[in-house]
Amino acid sequence: QLQLVESGGGLVQPGGSLKLSCTAAGAALDEYAFGWFRRASGNEREVVACITRGGGRYYGDSMGGRITIDRNNAENTVYLQMSSLRPEDTAIYYCAATSRISTPTFYKTHYVYDYWGQGTQVTVSS
């Protein structure tokens, strides 16, 4: 059973940066594709970024060119580097994983994922 634990969230000022981590346990990272999603208070869950087993990437519209998703299979960790953060980026950020194999855009929908972490809070405020 794959278990995911997010970390790296916190309070940051507008314009600042954060790097979120998603550490996997219970299975080898290279057997899964991953996605980062977020949910702001009162809003729907939305995709932030995805990465396939082979490193193909999909970036959602919500954060544009301000993010980079990456994976380190040896460390069993997936990263989300976020920069130029805005107050509207305030949300709980979730990591998700699936063993399904497809192209990057396949992973932009939350229902393809089988495993979810508990989330990490990101607050952007001065």
N, C-alpha and C. Protein backbone atom coordinates (compact mmCIF):
# COMPACT_ATOMS: atom_id res chain seq x y z
N GLN A 1 0.85 -1.18 0.00
CA GLN A 1 0.00 0.00 0.00
C GLN A 1 0.89 1.24 0.00
N LEU A 2 0.74 2.06 -1.01
CA LEU A 2 1.54 3.27 -1.12
C LEU A 2 1.02 4.31 -0.14
N GLN A 3 1.92 4.94 0.56
CA GLN A 3 1.57 6.03 1.47
C GLN A 3 2.33 7.29 1.05
N LEU A 4 1.63 8.40 1.07
CA LEU A 4 2.21 9.67 0.63
C LEU A 4 2.16 10.68 1.77
N VAL A 5 3.26 11.38 1.96
CA VAL A 5 3.32 12.40 2.99
C VAL A 5 3.87 13.69 2.38
N GLU A 6 3.07 14.74 2.45
CA GLU A 6 3.50 16.04 1.94
C GLU A 6 4.18 16.84 3.06
N SER A 7 5.09 17.69 2.65
CA SER A 7 5.74 18.60 3.59
C SER A 7 6.21 19.83 2.84
N GLY A 8 6.60 20.84 3.58
CA GLY A 8 7.16 22.03 2.97
C GLY A 8 6.22 23.21 2.91
N GLY A 9 4.98 23.01 3.31
CA GLY A 9 4.04 24.13 3.32
C GLY A 9 4.35 25.09 4.45
N GLY A 10 3.64 26.21 4.44
CA GLY A 10 3.83 27.19 5.50
C GLY A 10 3.34 28.54 5.09
N LEU A 11 3.74 29.55 5.85
CA LEU A 11 3.36 30.93 5.58
C LEU A 11 4.49 31.61 4.80
N VAL A 12 4.13 32.26 3.72
CA VAL A 12 5.12 32.95 2.89
C VAL A 12 4.52 34.27 2.44
N GLN A 13 5.37 35.27 2.27
CA GLN A 13 4.89 36.57 1.81
C GLN A 13 4.64 36.55 0.31
N PRO A 14 3.76 37.40 -0.16
CA PRO A 14 3.55 37.51 -1.61
C PRO A 14 4.87 37.76 -2.33
N GLY A 15 5.05 37.04 -3.43
CA GLY A 15 6.29 37.12 -4.18
C GLY A 15 7.33 36.11 -3.76
N GLY A 16 7.07 35.43 -2.66
CA GLY A 16 8.01 34.45 -2.14
C GLY A 16 7.92 33.10 -2.84
N SER A 17 8.76 32.18 -2.36
CA SER A 17 8.84 30.84 -2.94
C SER A 17 8.71 29.78 -1.86
N LEU A 18 8.24 28.62 -2.30
CA LEU A 18 8.18 27.45 -1.43
C LEU A 18 8.46 26.22 -2.28
N LYS A 19 9.03 25.21 -1.64
CA LYS A 19 9.25 23.93 -2.31
C LYS A 19 8.55 22.86 -1.49
N LEU A 20 7.53 22.28 -2.09
CA LEU A 20 6.80 21.21 -1.44
C LEU A 20 7.42 19.86 -1.80
N SER A 21 7.35 18.94 -0.85
CA SER A 21 7.84 17.59 -1.07
C SER A 21 6.73 16.59 -0.83
N CYS A 22 6.76 15.53 -1.60
CA CYS A 22 5.83 14.41 -1.41
C CYS A 22 6.69 13.15 -1.32
N THR A 23 6.77 12.60 -0.13
CA THR A 23 7.59 11.42 0.08
C THR A 23 6.70 10.18 0.09
N ALA A 24 7.11 9.20 -0.69
CA ALA A 24 6.33 7.98 -0.82
C ALA A 24 6.96 6.85 -0.01
N ALA A 25 6.10 6.01 0.56
CA ALA A 25 6.56 4.84 1.30
C ALA A 25 5.66 3.66 0.94
N GLY A 26 6.26 2.48 0.96
CA GLY A 26 5.47 1.28 0.72
C GLY A 26 5.58 0.72 -0.68
N ALA A 27 6.22 1.46 -1.58
CA ALA A 27 6.39 0.99 -2.95
C ALA A 27 7.45 1.85 -3.62
N ALA A 28 7.97 1.36 -4.73
CA ALA A 28 8.98 2.11 -5.46
C ALA A 28 8.33 3.27 -6.21
N LEU A 29 8.96 4.41 -6.12
CA LEU A 29 8.40 5.62 -6.73
C LEU A 29 8.25 5.47 -8.24
N ASP A 30 9.18 4.74 -8.87
CA ASP A 30 9.18 4.71 -10.33
C ASP A 30 8.03 3.90 -10.92
N GLU A 31 7.20 3.31 -10.08
CA GLU A 31 6.02 2.58 -10.55
C GLU A 31 4.79 3.48 -10.67
N TYR A 32 4.95 4.77 -10.35
CA TYR A 32 3.79 5.64 -10.26
C TYR A 32 4.00 6.97 -10.99
N ALA A 33 2.88 7.48 -11.46
CA ALA A 33 2.82 8.88 -11.88
C ALA A 33 2.23 9.66 -10.72
N PHE A 34 2.55 10.96 -10.69
CA PHE A 34 2.14 11.79 -9.55
C PHE A 34 1.50 13.08 -10.02
N GLY A 35 0.65 13.58 -9.15
CA GLY A 35 0.06 14.89 -9.39
C GLY A 35 0.04 15.70 -8.12
N TRP A 36 0.11 17.01 -8.29
CA TRP A 36 -0.13 17.94 -7.20
C TRP A 36 -1.46 18.65 -7.49
N PHE A 37 -2.30 18.67 -6.49
CA PHE A 37 -3.58 19.36 -6.58
C PHE A 37 -3.68 20.33 -5.41
N ARG A 38 -4.60 21.25 -5.52
CA ARG A 38 -4.82 22.16 -4.40
C ARG A 38 -6.31 22.44 -4.26
N ARG A 39 -6.67 22.79 -3.03
CA ARG A 39 -8.05 23.17 -2.76
C ARG A 39 -8.04 24.36 -1.82
N ALA A 40 -8.52 25.47 -2.33
CA ALA A 40 -8.68 26.66 -1.51
C ALA A 40 -10.04 26.61 -0.83
N SER A 41 -10.16 27.31 0.27
CA SER A 41 -11.41 27.30 1.03
C SER A 41 -12.57 27.72 0.15
N GLY A 42 -13.60 26.87 0.08
CA GLY A 42 -14.79 27.18 -0.70
C GLY A 42 -14.67 26.90 -2.18
N ASN A 43 -13.52 26.41 -2.60
CA ASN A 43 -13.30 26.15 -4.04
C ASN A 43 -13.21 24.67 -4.34
N GLU A 44 -13.31 24.38 -5.62
CA GLU A 44 -13.12 23.00 -6.07
C GLU A 44 -11.62 22.65 -6.04
N ARG A 45 -11.34 21.37 -5.95
CA ARG A 45 -9.97 20.90 -6.09
C ARG A 45 -9.52 21.14 -7.54
N GLU A 46 -8.30 21.61 -7.69
CA GLU A 46 -7.80 21.86 -9.04
C GLU A 46 -6.37 21.33 -9.18
N VAL A 47 -6.06 20.96 -10.40
CA VAL A 47 -4.74 20.42 -10.67
C VAL A 47 -3.71 21.54 -10.70
N VAL A 48 -2.55 21.27 -10.15
CA VAL A 48 -1.43 22.20 -10.21
C VAL A 48 -0.40 21.71 -11.22
N ALA A 49 0.04 20.46 -11.06
CA ALA A 49 1.04 19.89 -11.96
C ALA A 49 1.03 18.38 -11.85
N CYS A 50 1.52 17.71 -12.90
CA CYS A 50 1.61 16.25 -12.92
C CYS A 50 2.93 15.84 -13.54
N ILE A 51 3.37 14.64 -13.17
CA ILE A 51 4.58 14.10 -13.77
C ILE A 51 4.40 12.60 -13.97
N THR A 52 4.74 12.15 -15.17
CA THR A 52 4.58 10.74 -15.49
C THR A 52 5.75 9.93 -14.96
N ARG A 53 5.67 8.62 -15.12
CA ARG A 53 6.77 7.75 -14.72
C ARG A 53 8.06 8.15 -15.43
N GLY A 54 7.94 8.51 -16.68
CA GLY A 54 9.11 8.82 -17.48
C GLY A 54 9.55 10.28 -17.41
N GLY A 55 8.85 11.09 -16.61
CA GLY A 55 9.25 12.48 -16.45
C GLY A 55 8.49 13.47 -17.31
N GLY A 56 7.49 12.99 -18.07
CA GLY A 56 6.66 13.92 -18.81
C GLY A 56 5.85 14.77 -17.85
N ARG A 57 5.65 16.04 -18.20
CA ARG A 57 5.02 16.97 -17.27
C ARG A 57 3.79 17.64 -17.86
N TYR A 58 2.84 17.91 -16.98
CA TYR A 58 1.68 18.71 -17.32
C TYR A 58 1.54 19.77 -16.24
N TYR A 59 1.32 21.01 -16.69
CA TYR A 59 1.11 22.10 -15.74
C TYR A 59 -0.28 22.68 -15.93
N GLY A 60 -0.99 22.82 -14.84
CA GLY A 60 -2.32 23.40 -14.90
C GLY A 60 -2.26 24.89 -15.13
N ASP A 61 -3.39 25.45 -15.47
CA ASP A 61 -3.46 26.88 -15.76
C ASP A 61 -3.37 27.74 -14.50
N SER A 62 -3.65 27.14 -13.35
CA SER A 62 -3.79 27.93 -12.14
C SER A 62 -2.51 28.65 -11.72
N MET A 63 -1.36 28.07 -12.01
CA MET A 63 -0.12 28.69 -11.54
C MET A 63 0.85 29.01 -12.68
N GLY A 64 0.44 28.71 -13.91
CA GLY A 64 1.20 29.11 -15.07
C GLY A 64 2.65 28.70 -15.02
N GLY A 65 3.53 29.64 -15.32
CA GLY A 65 4.96 29.35 -15.38
C GLY A 65 5.67 29.56 -14.06
N ARG A 66 4.94 29.58 -12.96
CA ARG A 66 5.54 29.86 -11.66
C ARG A 66 5.90 28.59 -10.90
N ILE A 67 5.74 27.45 -11.52
CA ILE A 67 5.96 26.19 -10.81
C ILE A 67 6.81 25.24 -11.64
N THR A 68 7.48 24.32 -10.94
CA THR A 68 8.20 23.22 -11.57
C THR A 68 7.95 21.96 -10.76
N ILE A 69 7.55 20.90 -11.44
CA ILE A 69 7.40 19.61 -10.77
C ILE A 69 8.56 18.72 -11.18
N ASP A 70 9.06 17.97 -10.22
CA ASP A 70 10.18 17.08 -10.50
C ASP A 70 10.10 15.87 -9.59
N ARG A 71 10.83 14.84 -9.94
CA ARG A 71 10.83 13.64 -9.15
C ARG A 71 12.23 13.11 -8.99
N ASN A 72 12.49 12.52 -7.83
CA ASN A 72 13.77 11.87 -7.57
C ASN A 72 13.43 10.47 -7.08
N ASN A 73 13.51 9.52 -7.98
CA ASN A 73 13.11 8.16 -7.64
C ASN A 73 14.01 7.56 -6.57
N ALA A 74 15.26 7.92 -6.60
CA ALA A 74 16.19 7.38 -5.60
C ALA A 74 15.84 7.84 -4.19
N GLU A 75 15.27 9.06 -4.10
CA GLU A 75 14.87 9.60 -2.81
C GLU A 75 13.41 9.32 -2.49
N ASN A 76 12.72 8.68 -3.43
CA ASN A 76 11.28 8.40 -3.26
C ASN A 76 10.49 9.66 -2.99
N THR A 77 10.84 10.73 -3.69
CA THR A 77 10.21 12.02 -3.43
C THR A 77 9.88 12.73 -4.73
N VAL A 78 8.73 13.38 -4.72
CA VAL A 78 8.30 14.25 -5.80
C VAL A 78 8.25 15.67 -5.24
N TYR A 79 8.72 16.62 -6.05
CA TYR A 79 8.83 18.00 -5.58
C TYR A 79 7.94 18.93 -6.39
N LEU A 80 7.51 20.00 -5.74
CA LEU A 80 6.81 21.08 -6.43
C LEU A 80 7.46 22.38 -5.99
N GLN A 81 8.21 22.98 -6.89
CA GLN A 81 8.84 24.27 -6.63
C GLN A 81 7.90 25.37 -7.08
N MET A 82 7.57 26.27 -6.17
CA MET A 82 6.64 27.35 -6.47
C MET A 82 7.31 28.69 -6.22
N SER A 83 7.13 29.61 -7.13
CA SER A 83 7.73 30.93 -6.98
C SER A 83 6.70 32.01 -7.31
N SER A 84 7.08 33.26 -7.01
CA SER A 84 6.19 34.41 -7.24
C SER A 84 4.79 34.15 -6.70
N LEU A 85 4.74 33.66 -5.49
CA LEU A 85 3.46 33.26 -4.91
C LEU A 85 2.57 34.45 -4.65
N ARG A 86 1.27 34.21 -4.79
CA ARG A 86 0.25 35.24 -4.65
C ARG A 86 -0.74 34.83 -3.56
N PRO A 87 -1.44 35.78 -2.98
CA PRO A 87 -2.44 35.42 -1.96
C PRO A 87 -3.45 34.39 -2.46
N GLU A 88 -3.80 34.45 -3.74
CA GLU A 88 -4.77 33.48 -4.28
C GLU A 88 -4.21 32.07 -4.42
N ASP A 89 -2.91 31.90 -4.16
CA ASP A 89 -2.34 30.56 -4.14
C ASP A 89 -2.54 29.89 -2.79
N THR A 90 -3.08 30.59 -1.84
CA THR A 90 -3.35 30.02 -0.52
C THR A 90 -4.33 28.86 -0.66
N ALA A 91 -3.92 27.69 -0.16
CA ALA A 91 -4.73 26.48 -0.30
C ALA A 91 -4.04 25.34 0.44
N ILE A 92 -4.75 24.23 0.53
CA ILE A 92 -4.12 22.98 0.94
C ILE A 92 -3.65 22.29 -0.33
N TYR A 93 -2.41 21.89 -0.33
CA TYR A 93 -1.82 21.24 -1.50
C TYR A 93 -1.68 19.75 -1.22
N TYR A 94 -2.18 18.97 -2.16
CA TYR A 94 -2.21 17.52 -2.02
C TYR A 94 -1.35 16.85 -3.09
N CYS A 95 -0.70 15.79 -2.69
CA CYS A 95 0.04 14.93 -3.60
C CYS A 95 -0.80 13.68 -3.85
N ALA A 96 -0.78 13.20 -5.09
CA ALA A 96 -1.54 12.01 -5.45
C ALA A 96 -0.71 11.13 -6.37
N ALA A 97 -1.01 9.83 -6.36
CA ALA A 97 -0.25 8.88 -7.18
C ALA A 97 -1.17 7.86 -7.82
N THR A 98 -0.76 7.41 -9.00
CA THR A 98 -1.46 6.35 -9.70
C THR A 98 -0.46 5.49 -10.45
N SER A 99 -0.78 4.22 -10.59
CA SER A 99 0.07 3.31 -11.34
C SER A 99 -0.36 3.23 -12.81
N ARG A 100 -1.43 3.92 -13.18
CA ARG A 100 -1.89 3.92 -14.57
C ARG A 100 -0.83 4.59 -15.45
N ILE A 101 -0.71 4.10 -16.66
CA ILE A 101 0.28 4.61 -17.60
C ILE A 101 -0.42 5.33 -18.74
N SER A 102 -0.04 6.59 -18.95
CA SER A 102 -0.63 7.37 -20.04
C SER A 102 0.23 8.59 -20.31
N THR A 103 -0.31 9.47 -21.15
CA THR A 103 0.38 10.72 -21.47
C THR A 103 0.15 11.75 -20.36
N PRO A 104 0.94 12.81 -20.32
CA PRO A 104 0.85 13.75 -19.20
C PRO A 104 -0.54 14.33 -18.95
N THR A 105 -1.29 14.66 -20.00
CA THR A 105 -2.58 15.29 -19.80
C THR A 105 -3.60 14.36 -19.14
N PHE A 106 -3.37 13.07 -19.24
CA PHE A 106 -4.28 12.11 -18.60
C PHE A 106 -4.36 12.34 -17.10
N TYR A 107 -3.28 12.82 -16.52
CA TYR A 107 -3.18 12.89 -15.07
C TYR A 107 -3.72 14.19 -14.49
N LYS A 108 -4.32 15.03 -15.31
CA LYS A 108 -4.81 16.31 -14.79
C LYS A 108 -6.14 16.20 -14.07
N THR A 109 -6.78 15.08 -14.15
CA THR A 109 -8.06 14.89 -13.48
C THR A 109 -7.88 14.04 -12.23
N HIS A 110 -8.52 14.47 -11.15
CA HIS A 110 -8.24 13.87 -9.84
C HIS A 110 -8.70 12.41 -9.74
N TYR A 111 -9.69 12.02 -10.52
CA TYR A 111 -10.27 10.69 -10.33
C TYR A 111 -9.40 9.56 -10.88
N VAL A 112 -8.29 9.90 -11.55
CA VAL A 112 -7.41 8.83 -12.05
C VAL A 112 -6.44 8.36 -10.98
N TYR A 113 -6.43 9.05 -9.86
CA TYR A 113 -5.46 8.74 -8.82
C TYR A 113 -6.04 7.79 -7.78
N ASP A 114 -5.18 6.91 -7.29
CA ASP A 114 -5.59 5.91 -6.31
C ASP A 114 -5.12 6.22 -4.89
N TYR A 115 -4.09 7.04 -4.81
CA TYR A 115 -3.49 7.32 -3.50
C TYR A 115 -3.35 8.81 -3.31
N TRP A 116 -3.65 9.25 -2.10
CA TRP A 116 -3.59 10.68 -1.77
C TRP A 116 -2.90 10.87 -0.43
N GLY A 117 -2.17 11.97 -0.34
CA GLY A 117 -1.62 12.37 0.94
C GLY A 117 -2.63 13.18 1.73
N GLN A 118 -2.23 13.59 2.91
CA GLN A 118 -3.11 14.35 3.81
C GLN A 118 -3.12 15.84 3.48
N GLY A 119 -2.16 16.28 2.73
CA GLY A 119 -2.13 17.69 2.34
C GLY A 119 -1.21 18.52 3.23
N THR A 120 -0.74 19.62 2.65
CA THR A 120 0.07 20.57 3.40
C THR A 120 -0.46 21.97 3.10
N GLN A 121 -0.61 22.77 4.14
CA GLN A 121 -1.20 24.09 3.99
C GLN A 121 -0.15 25.09 3.50
N VAL A 122 -0.53 25.83 2.48
CA VAL A 122 0.28 26.95 1.99
C VAL A 122 -0.53 28.22 2.17
N THR A 123 0.03 29.16 2.87
CA THR A 123 -0.63 30.44 3.09
C THR A 123 0.27 31.56 2.58
N VAL A 124 -0.26 32.36 1.68
CA VAL A 124 0.49 33.48 1.11
C VAL A 124 -0.15 34.76 1.63
N SER A 125 0.58 35.45 2.48
CA SER A 125 0.02 36.64 3.12
C SER A 125 1.14 37.52 3.65
N SER A 126 0.89 38.80 3.64
CA SER A 126 1.85 39.73 4.22
C SER A 126 1.49 40.02 5.67
